[in-house]
N, C-alpha and C. Protein backbone atom coordinates (compact mmCIF):
# COMPACT_ATOMS: atom_id res chain seq x y z
N MET A 1 149.16 102.78 111.31
CA MET A 1 147.15 102.08 111.00
C MET A 1 147.21 101.28 109.59
N SER A 2 147.03 100.22 109.75
CA SER A 2 146.23 99.85 108.23
C SER A 2 145.43 100.27 107.16
N TRP A 3 145.85 99.85 106.39
CA TRP A 3 144.91 100.71 105.00
C TRP A 3 143.36 100.54 105.59
N ARG A 4 143.56 99.51 105.86
CA ARG A 4 142.07 98.71 105.78
C ARG A 4 141.47 100.58 107.04
N ASN A 5 142.01 100.23 108.29
CA ASN A 5 141.21 101.36 108.99
C ASN A 5 141.42 103.11 108.91
N VAL A 6 142.71 103.23 107.52
CA VAL A 6 142.87 104.28 107.14
C VAL A 6 141.53 104.59 106.40
N LYS A 7 141.17 103.30 105.94
CA LYS A 7 139.48 103.33 104.45
C LYS A 7 138.21 103.73 105.80
N LEU A 8 138.18 103.06 106.67
CA LEU A 8 137.28 102.82 107.85
C LEU A 8 136.72 104.49 108.43
N VAL A 9 137.86 105.06 108.70
CA VAL A 9 138.32 106.30 109.13
C VAL A 9 137.68 107.69 107.99
N VAL A 10 138.32 107.80 106.83
CA VAL A 10 138.22 108.53 106.08
C VAL A 10 136.83 108.63 105.73
N GLY A 11 136.21 106.95 105.12
CA GLY A 11 134.61 107.02 104.49
C GLY A 11 133.55 107.46 106.00
N PHE A 12 133.89 107.42 106.98
CA PHE A 12 132.97 108.03 108.34
C PHE A 12 132.87 109.52 108.39
N MET A 13 134.59 109.94 107.84
CA MET A 13 134.44 110.95 108.35
C MET A 13 134.04 111.71 106.73
N LEU A 14 133.48 111.08 105.19
CA LEU A 14 132.43 111.11 104.28
C LEU A 14 131.42 111.22 104.44
N VAL A 15 131.44 110.37 105.72
CA VAL A 15 129.47 110.33 105.69
C VAL A 15 129.12 110.86 106.55
N LEU A 16 129.64 111.79 107.72
CA LEU A 16 129.94 112.71 108.61
C LEU A 16 129.98 114.23 107.87
N GLY A 17 130.75 114.58 106.75
CA GLY A 17 130.38 115.44 105.96
C GLY A 17 129.31 115.60 104.68
N VAL A 18 128.82 114.54 104.82
CA VAL A 18 127.60 114.85 103.99
C VAL A 18 126.28 115.07 105.11
N ALA A 19 126.57 114.39 106.00
CA ALA A 19 125.27 114.20 106.76
C ALA A 19 125.79 116.00 107.43
N ALA A 20 126.17 116.67 108.16
CA ALA A 20 126.66 117.91 108.00
C ALA A 20 125.72 118.70 107.38
N CYS A 21 125.65 118.90 106.44
CA CYS A 21 125.01 118.75 104.66
C CYS A 21 123.66 119.47 104.63
N GLY A 22 123.40 118.53 105.77
CA GLY A 22 121.45 118.49 105.43
C GLY A 22 120.85 119.42 105.79
N ARG A 23 119.55 119.71 106.07
CA ARG A 23 118.69 120.74 106.24
C ARG A 23 118.71 120.83 106.93
N SER A 24 118.68 121.98 108.49
CA SER A 24 118.76 121.72 109.82
C SER A 24 116.98 122.60 110.31
N GLN A 25 117.24 122.66 111.40
CA GLN A 25 116.07 123.09 111.78
C GLN A 25 116.97 124.38 113.86
N PRO A 26 116.07 125.21 113.27
CA PRO A 26 116.88 126.04 114.51
C PRO A 26 116.62 124.94 116.36
N VAL A 27 117.55 124.94 117.23
CA VAL A 27 116.64 124.30 118.21
C VAL A 27 116.03 124.91 118.50
N GLY A 28 115.30 124.74 119.06
CA GLY A 28 114.18 125.69 120.34
C GLY A 28 113.12 125.28 120.32
N GLN A 29 112.96 123.96 119.48
CA GLN A 29 110.94 123.67 119.28
C GLN A 29 111.60 122.38 119.86
N ASN A 30 110.82 121.86 121.25
CA ASN A 30 110.88 120.82 121.70
C ASN A 30 109.97 119.87 120.75
N GLU A 31 110.24 118.57 120.26
CA GLU A 31 109.03 118.30 119.97
C GLU A 31 108.05 116.78 120.57
N TYR A 32 109.01 117.04 122.00
CA TYR A 32 107.86 115.96 123.15
C TYR A 32 107.14 116.85 123.70
N ALA A 33 106.74 118.49 123.44
CA ALA A 33 106.36 118.96 124.26
C ALA A 33 104.51 119.15 123.45
N ASP A 34 104.13 119.55 123.96
CA ASP A 34 102.13 119.68 123.91
C ASP A 34 102.40 120.43 122.91
N PRO A 35 102.05 120.51 122.01
CA PRO A 35 101.00 121.37 121.03
C PRO A 35 100.91 122.28 121.62
N ARG A 36 99.65 121.92 122.64
CA ARG A 36 98.58 122.75 122.97
C ARG A 36 99.84 124.18 123.71
N ASP A 37 100.81 123.97 123.96
CA ASP A 37 101.63 125.09 125.09
C ASP A 37 102.14 125.71 123.68
N HIS A 38 102.52 125.73 122.98
CA HIS A 38 102.98 126.52 121.59
C HIS A 38 101.63 128.23 121.32
N ASP A 39 102.39 129.28 121.17
CA ASP A 39 101.31 130.19 120.96
C ASP A 39 100.61 129.85 119.90
N PRO A 40 99.09 129.95 119.58
CA PRO A 40 98.52 129.50 118.12
C PRO A 40 98.57 129.87 117.30
N LYS A 41 99.15 131.58 117.53
CA LYS A 41 99.25 132.59 116.10
C LYS A 41 101.07 132.37 116.14
N GLY A 42 101.93 131.54 116.57
CA GLY A 42 103.30 131.09 116.18
C GLY A 42 102.65 130.52 114.56
N SER A 43 104.30 130.16 114.46
CA SER A 43 104.69 129.48 113.13
C SER A 43 104.12 127.87 113.10
N LEU A 44 104.15 127.64 114.09
CA LEU A 44 103.25 126.40 113.88
C LEU A 44 101.92 126.69 113.38
N SER A 45 101.31 127.96 113.37
CA SER A 45 99.48 127.68 113.15
C SER A 45 99.17 127.20 111.91
N GLY A 46 97.80 126.41 111.84
CA GLY A 46 97.25 126.38 110.59
C GLY A 46 96.92 127.42 110.45
N SER A 47 95.93 126.59 108.83
CA SER A 47 95.19 127.64 108.97
C SER A 47 93.94 127.73 109.12
N ASP A 48 93.30 127.01 109.86
CA ASP A 48 92.11 127.62 110.89
C ASP A 48 92.53 128.19 112.15
N GLY A 49 93.76 128.17 112.94
CA GLY A 49 94.26 128.98 114.02
C GLY A 49 94.39 127.86 115.17
N THR A 50 94.65 126.33 114.16
CA THR A 50 94.95 125.76 115.95
C THR A 50 96.25 125.20 115.08
N ILE A 51 97.06 124.75 116.38
CA ILE A 51 98.64 124.50 116.06
C ILE A 51 98.76 123.89 114.79
N PHE A 52 98.39 122.52 114.62
CA PHE A 52 98.79 121.52 113.52
C PHE A 52 97.10 121.34 112.90
N SER A 53 97.50 121.75 111.62
CA SER A 53 96.19 120.66 110.79
C SER A 53 96.09 120.46 109.65
N ASN A 54 95.33 119.54 109.51
CA ASN A 54 95.53 118.89 108.33
C ASN A 54 95.15 119.12 106.79
N SER A 55 94.92 118.94 105.67
CA SER A 55 94.79 119.90 104.54
C SER A 55 93.15 120.11 104.73
N LYS A 56 92.13 119.42 105.27
CA LYS A 56 90.88 119.49 105.28
C LYS A 56 90.44 120.95 106.65
N GLY A 57 91.67 121.49 107.58
CA GLY A 57 91.66 122.31 107.74
C GLY A 57 91.09 122.14 109.55
N SER A 58 90.70 120.96 109.49
CA SER A 58 90.27 119.75 111.20
C SER A 58 91.27 119.62 111.61
N SER A 59 91.47 119.73 112.82
CA SER A 59 92.82 120.07 113.89
C SER A 59 93.55 118.21 113.72
N GLN A 60 94.37 117.95 114.22
CA GLN A 60 94.70 116.38 114.15
C GLN A 60 95.27 116.34 116.37
N GLN A 61 94.75 117.32 117.22
CA GLN A 61 94.94 117.10 118.52
C GLN A 61 94.65 116.50 118.56
N ASP A 62 93.45 115.72 118.79
CA ASP A 62 92.71 114.52 118.84
C ASP A 62 93.75 113.30 118.90
N GLN A 63 94.45 113.57 117.42
CA GLN A 63 95.45 112.44 117.70
C GLN A 63 96.67 112.13 118.02
N GLY A 64 97.55 113.49 118.85
CA GLY A 64 97.58 113.49 119.06
C GLY A 64 98.88 114.45 118.67
N GLY A 65 98.33 115.39 117.62
CA GLY A 65 100.15 116.71 116.83
C GLY A 65 100.50 115.92 116.35
N ALA A 66 101.77 116.30 116.59
CA ALA A 66 103.08 116.14 115.42
C ALA A 66 104.03 115.31 115.19
N LEU A 67 103.49 114.48 116.41
CA LEU A 67 104.01 113.12 116.12
C LEU A 67 104.08 112.16 115.16
N GLY A 68 104.93 111.01 114.86
CA GLY A 68 104.46 110.20 113.92
C GLY A 68 103.95 108.97 115.16
N VAL A 69 103.59 109.04 115.76
CA VAL A 69 102.33 108.64 116.61
C VAL A 69 101.85 109.27 118.00
N ASN A 70 100.79 108.48 118.25
CA ASN A 70 99.80 108.94 119.09
C ASN A 70 100.63 110.07 120.43
N ALA A 71 100.46 111.21 120.46
CA ALA A 71 101.10 111.86 121.03
C ALA A 71 100.77 111.17 122.98
N TYR A 72 99.52 111.66 123.15
CA TYR A 72 99.10 111.09 124.43
C TYR A 72 100.16 109.61 124.68
N LEU A 73 99.06 108.51 123.61
CA LEU A 73 100.57 107.30 123.93
C LEU A 73 101.48 107.43 124.46
N TRP A 74 102.57 108.05 123.45
CA TRP A 74 103.81 108.55 123.70
C TRP A 74 103.83 108.74 125.19
N ARG A 75 103.26 109.68 125.38
CA ARG A 75 103.68 110.93 127.05
C ARG A 75 102.86 109.55 127.81
N GLY A 76 102.41 109.22 127.81
CA GLY A 76 102.07 108.02 128.95
C GLY A 76 102.69 106.84 129.03
N ALA A 77 103.50 106.49 127.80
CA ALA A 77 104.01 105.31 128.11
C ALA A 77 105.60 106.11 128.49
N LEU A 78 106.31 106.77 128.07
CA LEU A 78 107.28 107.47 128.66
C LEU A 78 107.29 107.75 129.92
N ASP A 79 105.96 108.42 130.83
CA ASP A 79 105.68 108.78 132.19
C ASP A 79 105.62 107.07 132.79
N THR A 80 105.17 106.28 132.68
CA THR A 80 104.87 104.94 132.54
C THR A 80 106.38 104.71 133.52
N LEU A 81 106.60 104.35 132.75
CA LEU A 81 108.47 103.46 132.00
C LEU A 81 109.38 104.70 132.93
N SER A 82 109.22 105.89 132.72
CA SER A 82 110.03 106.39 133.56
C SER A 82 111.27 106.77 134.79
N PHE A 83 111.10 105.15 135.69
CA PHE A 83 111.43 104.90 136.83
C PHE A 83 112.30 103.44 135.93
N MET A 84 113.02 103.54 134.97
CA MET A 84 112.91 102.83 134.26
C MET A 84 114.66 103.63 133.42
N PRO A 85 116.12 103.43 133.27
CA PRO A 85 116.80 104.61 132.89
C PRO A 85 116.08 104.72 130.97
N LEU A 86 115.94 105.48 131.04
CA LEU A 86 116.01 105.61 129.66
C LEU A 86 117.39 105.12 128.36
N SER A 87 116.89 104.27 127.19
CA SER A 87 118.46 104.39 126.07
C SER A 87 117.69 104.37 125.29
N SER A 88 116.53 104.87 124.38
CA SER A 88 116.49 105.39 123.44
C SER A 88 115.59 105.60 123.17
N ALA A 89 114.96 106.43 122.67
CA ALA A 89 113.43 107.22 122.16
C ALA A 89 113.80 107.51 121.09
N ASP A 90 111.97 107.42 119.70
CA ASP A 90 111.70 107.60 118.68
C ASP A 90 110.36 107.95 118.56
N PRO A 91 109.85 109.05 118.65
CA PRO A 91 108.39 109.87 118.94
C PRO A 91 108.28 109.39 117.57
N PHE A 92 108.77 109.15 116.21
CA PHE A 92 108.22 109.03 114.94
C PHE A 92 107.99 108.09 114.36
N GLY A 93 109.60 107.14 114.61
CA GLY A 93 108.75 105.62 114.48
C GLY A 93 108.24 104.93 115.92
N GLY A 94 108.19 105.38 116.74
CA GLY A 94 107.51 105.54 118.23
C GLY A 94 107.82 104.05 119.14
N VAL A 95 109.11 104.48 118.70
CA VAL A 95 109.69 103.19 119.87
C VAL A 95 110.19 103.84 121.14
N ILE A 96 109.91 103.25 122.39
CA ILE A 96 111.25 103.68 123.50
C ILE A 96 111.60 101.85 124.16
N ILE A 97 112.52 102.60 124.28
CA ILE A 97 113.80 101.46 124.57
C ILE A 97 114.30 101.39 126.81
N THR A 98 114.07 101.45 127.28
CA THR A 98 115.56 101.47 128.19
C THR A 98 116.01 100.29 128.37
N ASP A 99 117.28 100.57 129.23
CA ASP A 99 118.26 100.45 129.64
C ASP A 99 118.02 99.48 131.03
N TRP A 100 119.21 98.86 131.15
CA TRP A 100 118.55 97.53 132.57
C TRP A 100 118.46 97.80 133.65
N PHE A 101 117.34 98.26 134.28
CA PHE A 101 117.06 98.64 135.77
C PHE A 101 116.90 97.68 137.13
N GLN A 102 117.72 97.61 137.74
CA GLN A 102 117.72 96.53 139.02
C GLN A 102 116.94 97.12 139.65
N PRO A 103 116.03 97.10 140.64
CA PRO A 103 114.56 97.36 141.52
C PRO A 103 115.99 96.73 142.52
N PRO A 104 115.84 97.92 143.86
CA PRO A 104 117.00 97.68 144.82
C PRO A 104 115.53 96.63 145.96
N ALA A 105 115.04 96.01 145.26
CA ALA A 105 114.46 95.24 146.75
C ALA A 105 114.53 93.52 145.80
N ALA A 106 115.26 93.43 144.61
CA ALA A 106 115.16 92.44 143.80
C ALA A 106 116.74 92.35 143.32
N GLN A 107 117.55 91.84 144.85
CA GLN A 107 118.67 92.35 143.73
C GLN A 107 119.44 90.78 143.36
N GLY A 108 119.81 91.29 142.26
CA GLY A 108 120.00 89.68 141.44
C GLY A 108 119.12 89.82 140.34
N GLU A 109 119.15 90.83 140.18
CA GLU A 109 117.08 90.43 139.26
C GLU A 109 117.64 92.19 138.36
N ARG A 110 116.91 91.61 136.50
CA ARG A 110 117.34 93.28 136.13
C ARG A 110 116.53 93.21 135.22
N PHE A 111 115.54 94.07 134.47
CA PHE A 111 114.81 94.08 133.79
C PHE A 111 115.19 95.01 132.95
N LYS A 112 114.15 95.21 131.32
CA LYS A 112 114.20 96.03 130.27
C LYS A 112 113.13 96.29 129.67
N ALA A 113 112.93 97.60 129.59
CA ALA A 113 111.20 97.07 128.04
C ALA A 113 111.57 97.93 127.15
N THR A 114 110.75 97.61 126.67
CA THR A 114 111.17 97.95 124.63
C THR A 114 109.08 97.85 125.00
N ALA A 115 108.72 99.91 124.29
CA ALA A 115 107.50 99.60 124.14
C ALA A 115 107.51 100.45 122.77
N TYR A 116 106.14 99.77 122.19
CA TYR A 116 106.27 100.21 120.63
C TYR A 116 104.50 100.68 120.32
N ILE A 117 104.99 102.21 120.11
CA ILE A 117 103.61 102.97 119.86
C ILE A 117 102.81 103.14 118.17
N LEU A 118 101.66 102.04 118.60
CA LEU A 118 101.57 101.33 117.49
C LEU A 118 100.78 102.06 116.25
N GLY A 119 100.30 103.76 116.98
CA GLY A 119 99.78 104.37 115.29
C GLY A 119 99.55 105.89 116.29
N ARG A 120 98.43 106.62 115.03
CA ARG A 120 97.84 107.68 115.74
C ARG A 120 96.77 108.18 116.62
N GLN A 121 96.20 106.41 116.78
CA GLN A 121 94.73 106.82 117.43
C GLN A 121 94.88 106.43 118.36
N LEU A 122 94.41 107.07 119.72
CA LEU A 122 94.74 106.34 121.37
C LEU A 122 93.56 105.45 121.04
N ARG A 123 93.77 103.97 121.35
CA ARG A 123 93.39 103.13 120.99
C ARG A 123 94.19 101.29 122.03
N ALA A 124 93.16 100.83 122.85
CA ALA A 124 94.08 100.15 122.73
C ALA A 124 94.46 99.28 122.93
N ASP A 125 94.43 98.89 121.50
CA ASP A 125 96.05 98.14 120.49
C ASP A 125 96.75 98.85 119.97
N GLY A 126 96.94 100.13 120.48
CA GLY A 126 98.04 101.21 119.33
C GLY A 126 99.32 101.00 120.61
N VAL A 127 99.76 100.62 121.85
CA VAL A 127 100.85 99.90 122.46
C VAL A 127 101.13 98.75 122.63
N LYS A 128 102.12 98.17 122.45
CA LYS A 128 102.67 96.63 122.69
C LYS A 128 104.56 96.77 123.79
N VAL A 129 103.60 95.93 124.98
CA VAL A 129 105.30 96.53 125.59
C VAL A 129 105.70 95.42 125.54
N SER A 130 107.29 94.63 125.07
CA SER A 130 107.89 93.34 125.12
C SER A 130 109.22 94.24 127.08
N ILE A 131 108.84 92.61 128.10
CA ILE A 131 110.16 93.25 129.19
C ILE A 131 110.56 91.93 128.84
N PHE A 132 112.39 92.38 129.13
CA PHE A 132 113.21 91.48 129.59
C PHE A 132 113.29 91.27 130.78
N ARG A 133 114.01 90.09 131.21
CA ARG A 133 114.41 89.63 133.04
C ARG A 133 115.19 88.77 132.49
N GLN A 134 116.68 89.76 133.28
CA GLN A 134 118.26 89.02 133.72
C GLN A 134 118.12 88.82 135.66
N VAL A 135 118.62 87.18 135.12
CA VAL A 135 118.82 86.96 136.51
C VAL A 135 120.97 86.76 136.80
N MET A 136 121.13 86.71 137.81
CA MET A 136 122.60 86.61 138.11
C MET A 136 123.00 84.83 138.56
N GLN A 137 123.54 85.16 138.27
CA GLN A 137 123.97 83.26 137.99
C GLN A 137 124.77 83.34 138.12
N ASN A 138 125.90 82.59 139.10
CA ASN A 138 127.78 82.55 139.09
C ASN A 138 128.20 83.80 138.29
N GLY A 139 127.70 84.21 138.32
CA GLY A 139 128.12 86.32 138.42
C GLY A 139 128.17 86.78 137.11
N GLN A 140 127.22 86.09 136.40
CA GLN A 140 127.13 86.24 134.60
C GLN A 140 125.19 86.59 134.61
N TRP A 141 124.74 87.22 133.74
CA TRP A 141 123.75 87.75 133.84
C TRP A 141 122.72 87.00 132.83
N VAL A 142 121.85 85.59 132.96
CA VAL A 142 121.54 84.77 132.26
C VAL A 142 120.10 85.59 132.42
N ASP A 143 119.27 85.40 130.97
CA ASP A 143 118.50 85.43 130.54
C ASP A 143 117.18 84.82 131.29
N ALA A 144 116.01 84.72 131.29
CA ALA A 144 115.29 84.79 132.73
C ALA A 144 113.98 84.80 132.14
N PRO A 145 112.30 84.21 132.52
CA PRO A 145 111.37 84.00 132.06
C PRO A 145 110.43 85.50 132.48
N VAL A 146 109.35 85.80 131.23
CA VAL A 146 108.89 86.48 131.84
C VAL A 146 107.41 86.39 131.91
N SER A 147 106.96 86.33 133.57
CA SER A 147 105.65 86.71 133.00
C SER A 147 104.56 87.13 132.14
N PRO A 148 103.49 86.65 131.20
CA PRO A 148 102.87 87.34 129.96
C PRO A 148 102.39 88.84 130.64
N ALA A 149 102.23 88.35 131.81
CA ALA A 149 101.26 89.45 132.46
C ALA A 149 101.47 90.80 132.58
N THR A 150 102.99 90.61 132.75
CA THR A 150 103.71 91.94 133.75
C THR A 150 103.71 92.90 132.16
N ALA A 151 103.58 92.16 131.56
CA ALA A 151 103.73 93.32 129.60
C ALA A 151 101.89 94.45 129.72
N THR A 152 101.48 92.91 129.60
CA THR A 152 100.36 93.55 130.33
C THR A 152 100.02 95.11 130.77
N GLU A 153 99.93 93.78 132.46
CA GLU A 153 100.31 95.19 133.85
C GLU A 153 100.70 96.32 133.02
N ILE A 154 101.81 96.37 132.83
CA ILE A 154 102.23 98.01 132.39
C ILE A 154 101.85 98.80 130.79
N GLU A 155 101.03 97.56 129.78
CA GLU A 155 100.24 98.08 128.57
C GLU A 155 99.14 99.39 129.13
N ASN A 156 98.37 98.25 130.18
CA ASN A 156 97.18 98.83 130.79
C ASN A 156 97.69 100.46 131.05
N LYS A 157 98.95 100.53 132.33
CA LYS A 157 98.42 101.71 132.90
C LYS A 157 99.31 102.89 131.83
N ILE A 158 99.74 102.38 130.39
CA ILE A 158 100.17 103.39 129.27
C ILE A 158 98.95 103.61 129.37
N LEU A 159 97.60 102.85 129.20
CA LEU A 159 97.29 103.07 128.14
C LEU A 159 96.07 103.87 128.90
N VAL A 160 95.89 104.18 130.75
CA VAL A 160 95.02 104.88 131.81
C VAL A 160 95.67 105.94 131.94
N ARG A 161 97.27 106.21 131.93
CA ARG A 161 98.15 107.38 132.36
C ARG A 161 97.29 108.34 130.65
N ALA A 162 97.45 107.40 129.39
CA ALA A 162 97.69 108.45 127.77
C ALA A 162 95.64 108.64 128.36
N ARG A 163 94.53 107.90 128.71
CA ARG A 163 93.73 108.61 128.71
C ARG A 163 93.18 109.64 129.86
N GLU A 164 94.00 110.01 130.81
CA GLU A 164 94.61 110.95 132.06
C GLU A 164 94.21 112.09 131.76
N LEU A 165 95.46 112.01 130.30
CA LEU A 165 96.52 113.26 129.60
C LEU A 165 95.13 113.66 129.08
N ARG A 166 94.50 112.81 128.25
CA ARG A 166 93.78 112.96 127.20
C ARG A 166 92.21 114.10 128.05
N THR A 167 92.11 113.17 129.07
CA THR A 167 90.65 114.51 129.15
C THR A 167 91.55 115.30 130.32
N SER A 168 92.10 115.89 130.54
CA SER A 168 93.35 117.13 131.37
C SER A 168 93.86 117.92 130.14
N SER A 169 93.40 116.56 129.16
CA SER A 169 93.94 118.24 128.35
C SER A 169 92.28 119.53 127.20
């Protein structure tokens, strides 16, 4: 093992050791769960008896709870993109990245999506979706154009699902 590799391993172990010393929370609280599913008398209750409240005492449920972004848009995006394998999801930054998905009906073609939840309000401009497409050519995946209407359709489906979630709450 070269000296450079030893330094990399030691550095990595040092970073892991420092990270392990950080403050941790008990496992069991699901950050993706709807805040209304928690006991309002539990440890997450605000001063006015609601699950989450701001300093003025009003509920933030209409803004989507404790996530960094609107919970209805977040859940709507996850539900809408659930047919694709999930690669990464950051509920505080509001980014959902799927892995490549190859529809059974479209052999030699695959898609990937990235959804950005842009704020805490349930608004039409609160979600942005990027779609990526590749086609198989000579045994290799090659980037191909995607119709802009495709991303708009998925954004609209996310908004419809978010509104359904809000009205059912």
